[in-house]
Protein backbone atom coordinates (compact mmCIF):
# COMPACT_ATOMS: atom_id res chain seq x y z
CA MET A 1 0.00 0.00 0.00
CA LYS A 2 2.84 2.41 0.95
CA LYS A 3 4.64 1.65 -2.32
CA ALA A 4 1.46 2.36 -4.28
CA LEU A 5 0.97 5.72 -2.53
CA ALA A 6 4.61 6.69 -3.08
CA PHE A 7 4.34 5.80 -6.77
CA SER A 8 1.14 7.83 -7.10
CA ALA A 9 2.78 10.88 -5.45
CA LEU A 10 5.76 10.57 -7.79
CA ALA A 11 3.49 10.33 -10.81
CA VAL A 12 1.60 13.47 -9.75
CA ALA A 13 4.87 15.38 -9.21
CA VAL A 14 6.17 14.33 -12.61
CA GLY A 15 2.87 15.32 -14.15
CA PHE A 16 3.02 18.82 -12.67
CA ALA A 17 6.66 19.17 -13.74
CA GLY A 18 5.71 18.19 -17.26
CA CYS A 19 3.02 20.89 -17.37
CA SER A 20 5.38 23.74 -16.45
CA SER A 21 7.20 25.58 -19.21
CA ILE A 22 10.07 28.02 -19.38
CA SER A 23 10.40 30.69 -21.99
CA VAL A 24 13.71 32.47 -22.48
CA LYS A 25 14.22 35.46 -24.72
CA ARG A 26 17.74 36.78 -25.23
CA GLU A 27 17.96 40.57 -25.24
CA SER A 28 20.66 43.19 -25.51
CA ALA A 29 22.41 43.97 -22.24
CA ASN A 30 21.86 47.67 -23.05
CA GLN A 31 18.09 47.27 -23.23
CA VAL A 32 16.36 48.70 -20.16
CA GLN A 33 14.35 46.12 -18.22
CA ASP A 34 12.52 47.37 -15.15
CA LEU A 35 10.32 44.64 -13.70
CA SER A 36 10.16 45.40 -9.98
CA GLY A 37 11.01 49.09 -9.63
CA ARG A 38 14.10 48.24 -7.60
CA TRP A 39 17.60 49.55 -8.31
CA ASN A 40 19.03 47.48 -11.17
CA GLU A 41 22.01 47.14 -13.49
CA GLN A 42 20.75 49.81 -15.91
CA ASP A 43 20.31 52.28 -13.06
CA SER A 44 23.89 51.63 -11.95
CA LEU A 45 25.31 52.15 -15.45
CA GLN A 46 23.19 55.24 -16.11
CA VAL A 47 24.03 56.97 -12.83
CA ALA A 48 27.74 56.16 -13.11
CA HIS A 49 27.90 57.55 -16.65
CA THR A 50 25.93 60.70 -15.83
CA MET A 51 27.80 61.52 -12.65
CA ILE A 52 31.33 60.83 -13.89
CA SER A 53 30.64 62.84 -17.06
CA ASP A 54 29.55 65.75 -14.86
CA CYS A 55 32.51 65.33 -12.49
CA LEU A 56 35.07 65.40 -15.30
CA SER A 57 33.50 68.47 -16.94
CA ARG A 58 33.91 70.71 -13.87
CA ALA A 59 36.52 73.35 -13.08
CA TRP A 60 38.56 71.24 -10.64
CA LEU A 61 40.03 69.21 -13.52
CA ASP A 62 41.05 72.29 -15.54
CA ASN A 63 42.56 73.80 -12.39
CA TRP A 64 44.57 70.63 -11.81
CA ASP A 65 45.76 70.39 -15.41
CA ALA A 66 46.90 74.03 -15.31
CA GLY A 67 49.30 73.35 -12.46
CA HIS A 68 50.46 69.78 -13.14
CA SER A 69 52.11 67.91 -15.98
CA LYS A 70 50.29 64.62 -15.26
CA PRO A 71 46.59 63.77 -14.96
CA PRO A 72 45.19 63.55 -11.43
CA VAL A 73 45.19 60.13 -9.76
CA VAL A 74 41.77 59.07 -8.48
CA ILE A 75 40.59 56.25 -6.22
CA VAL A 76 37.02 55.23 -5.40
CA GLY A 77 36.32 54.86 -1.70
CA ASP A 78 33.10 53.75 -0.02
CA VAL A 79 29.69 54.20 -1.58
CA ARG A 80 27.14 53.43 1.13
CA ASN A 81 23.59 52.24 0.61
CA MET A 82 21.37 54.27 2.93
CA GLY A 83 18.10 52.93 1.48
CA PHE A 84 15.81 50.19 2.74
CA GLU A 85 16.45 47.65 -0.02
CA HIS A 86 19.57 45.79 -1.10
CA ILE A 87 21.73 47.65 -3.62
CA ASP A 88 24.90 46.06 -4.96
CA THR A 89 27.24 48.95 -4.24
CA ASP A 90 30.29 46.89 -5.29
CA SER A 91 28.87 46.64 -8.80
CA PHE A 92 28.12 50.38 -8.81
CA ILE A 93 31.70 51.12 -7.74
CA GLU A 94 32.95 48.98 -10.65
CA ASP A 95 30.79 51.06 -13.02
CA LEU A 96 32.24 54.27 -11.57
CA GLN A 97 35.75 52.92 -12.01
CA SER A 98 35.06 51.96 -15.63
CA GLU A 99 33.78 55.44 -16.44
CA LEU A 100 36.80 57.09 -14.82
CA ILE A 101 39.38 54.83 -16.46
CA ASN A 102 37.80 54.90 -19.91
CA SER A 103 37.52 58.70 -19.86
CA GLY A 104 41.29 59.00 -20.36
CA LYS A 105 41.21 62.21 -18.28
CA VAL A 106 42.48 60.75 -15.00
CA GLN A 107 44.75 58.01 -13.78
CA PHE A 108 43.16 55.43 -11.55
CA VAL A 109 44.58 53.34 -8.73
CA ALA A 110 43.18 50.15 -7.27
CA GLY A 111 41.02 50.21 -4.17
CA ALA A 112 41.88 48.77 -0.77
CA GLN A 113 40.82 45.18 -1.47
CA ALA A 114 42.57 44.99 -4.84
CA ARG A 115 45.74 46.48 -3.35
CA GLN A 116 45.90 43.72 -0.74
CA GLY A 117 45.97 41.11 -3.50
CA VAL A 118 48.64 42.99 -5.43
CA ARG A 119 50.79 43.39 -2.32
CA ALA A 120 50.51 39.68 -1.58
CA GLU A 121 51.71 38.97 -5.12
CA ARG A 122 54.74 41.24 -4.65
CA LEU A 123 55.63 39.43 -1.44
CA ASP A 124 55.42 36.15 -3.31
CA GLN A 125 57.65 37.56 -6.06
CA ASP A 126 60.22 38.60 -3.44
CA ALA A 127 60.56 34.96 -2.48
CA ASN A 128 60.09 33.24 -5.83
CA ALA A 129 60.63 35.51 -8.86
CA SER A 130 63.98 36.20 -10.48
CA ALA A 131 65.72 39.44 -9.54
CA ASP A 132 65.23 41.00 -12.98
CA THR A 133 61.45 40.35 -13.05
CA ARG A 134 60.29 40.87 -9.44
CA LYS A 135 58.49 44.10 -8.65
CA ALA A 136 59.73 46.21 -5.76
CA ASN A 137 57.63 47.27 -2.79
CA GLY A 138 57.24 50.94 -1.95
CA GLN A 139 56.70 52.05 -5.55
CA GLU A 140 52.90 52.43 -5.55
CA THR A 141 51.27 55.53 -7.00
CA GLY A 142 49.38 57.49 -4.36
CA ALA A 143 45.96 58.91 -5.19
CA ASP A 144 45.37 62.66 -5.34
CA PHE A 145 41.58 62.46 -5.01
CA MET A 146 39.03 60.05 -3.53
CA LEU A 147 35.49 59.63 -4.85
CA GLN A 148 32.94 58.60 -2.21
CA GLY A 149 29.24 58.91 -1.54
CA ILE A 150 25.85 57.45 -0.70
CA ILE A 151 22.76 56.08 -2.41
CA ASN A 152 19.49 56.95 -0.70
CA GLU A 153 15.97 55.80 -1.41
CA MET A 154 12.67 57.59 -0.84
CA LYS A 155 9.26 56.05 -1.36
CA ASP A 156 5.79 57.61 -1.53
CA THR A 157 2.94 55.10 -1.64
CA VAL A 158 -0.84 55.43 -1.96
CA GLY A 159 -2.87 52.26 -2.45
CA GLY A 160 -1.25 50.22 -5.18
CA ARG A 161 0.74 53.14 -6.58
CA SER A 162 4.23 54.16 -5.54
CA VAL A 163 6.88 56.64 -6.59
CA VAL A 164 10.39 55.51 -5.67
CA THR A 165 13.30 57.93 -5.89
CA PHE A 166 16.90 56.76 -5.86
CA GLN A 167 19.15 59.70 -5.01
CA THR A 168 22.91 59.30 -5.44
CA ASN A 169 25.30 61.84 -3.95
CA LEU A 170 29.01 61.65 -4.73
CA LYS A 171 31.87 63.92 -3.76
CA LEU A 172 35.48 64.13 -4.87
CA VAL A 173 37.87 64.95 -2.04
CA ASN A 174 41.46 66.17 -2.29
CA LEU A 175 43.36 63.62 -0.18
CA GLU A 176 46.04 66.07 0.87
CA THR A 177 43.81 68.96 1.95
CA ASN A 178 40.37 67.32 2.53
CA VAL A 179 38.89 69.98 0.25
CA ILE A 180 35.77 68.80 -1.63
CA VAL A 181 36.46 69.79 -5.25
CA TRP A 182 33.26 68.36 -6.73
CA ASN A 183 29.86 67.46 -5.32
CA GLY A 184 27.32 65.75 -7.57
CA GLU A 185 23.76 64.51 -7.29
CA ASP A 186 21.62 62.33 -9.54
CA LYS A 187 18.03 61.17 -9.09
CA ILE A 188 16.05 58.37 -10.70
CA ASN A 189 12.27 58.42 -10.20
CA LYS A 190 10.22 55.28 -10.79
CA TYR A 191 6.42 55.14 -10.89
CA ILE A 192 5.15 51.71 -9.85
CA LYS A 193 1.55 50.49 -10.14
CA ARG A 194 0.65 47.13 -8.62
CA SER A 195 -2.39 45.08 -9.52
CA ALA A 196 -4.94 44.63 -6.73
CA LEU A 197 -5.29 40.98 -7.75
CA GLY A 198 -1.72 40.22 -6.74
CA PHE A 199 -0.92 38.17 -9.86
């Protein structure tokens, strides 16, 4: 009897599995997809592009270039999520780095975590690499400016309708003087309407 019941349960499970279907449609990574209203990859790319473009168009860069023969060296510090939902700030930092590096207007040095890996490699080279190929310690390029900031989230909800605002504030700080040379803000507003049926 137990075997018969177990077989029947298995048959029902297989039957339900056979009825389900999956549909996959490949789309361009640049195509905007906004299903939930949450912060997503396109938001990260858009904000990074907009804010770095603004940062590099401001007077601080011309002032630097007028008094120096080399481009400024920039590092990205912390970008904190102050909102109430999860935001992958590491991915956003990578997008900021890409925009800075690809601009060709600044030099860029690795962040704290990446530097630890590089330093460990140099220590390994000290012990294992030939003298003419090992890289010396104490030769790192120091940053002139640090980019840091926050992402905040505001939500206004009535019934099944919501307006969500993601506000990103970034500032560029002179590491020697602590002077803020650029302060930028970008907002993304999303209008969300949810069905009362729930499906």
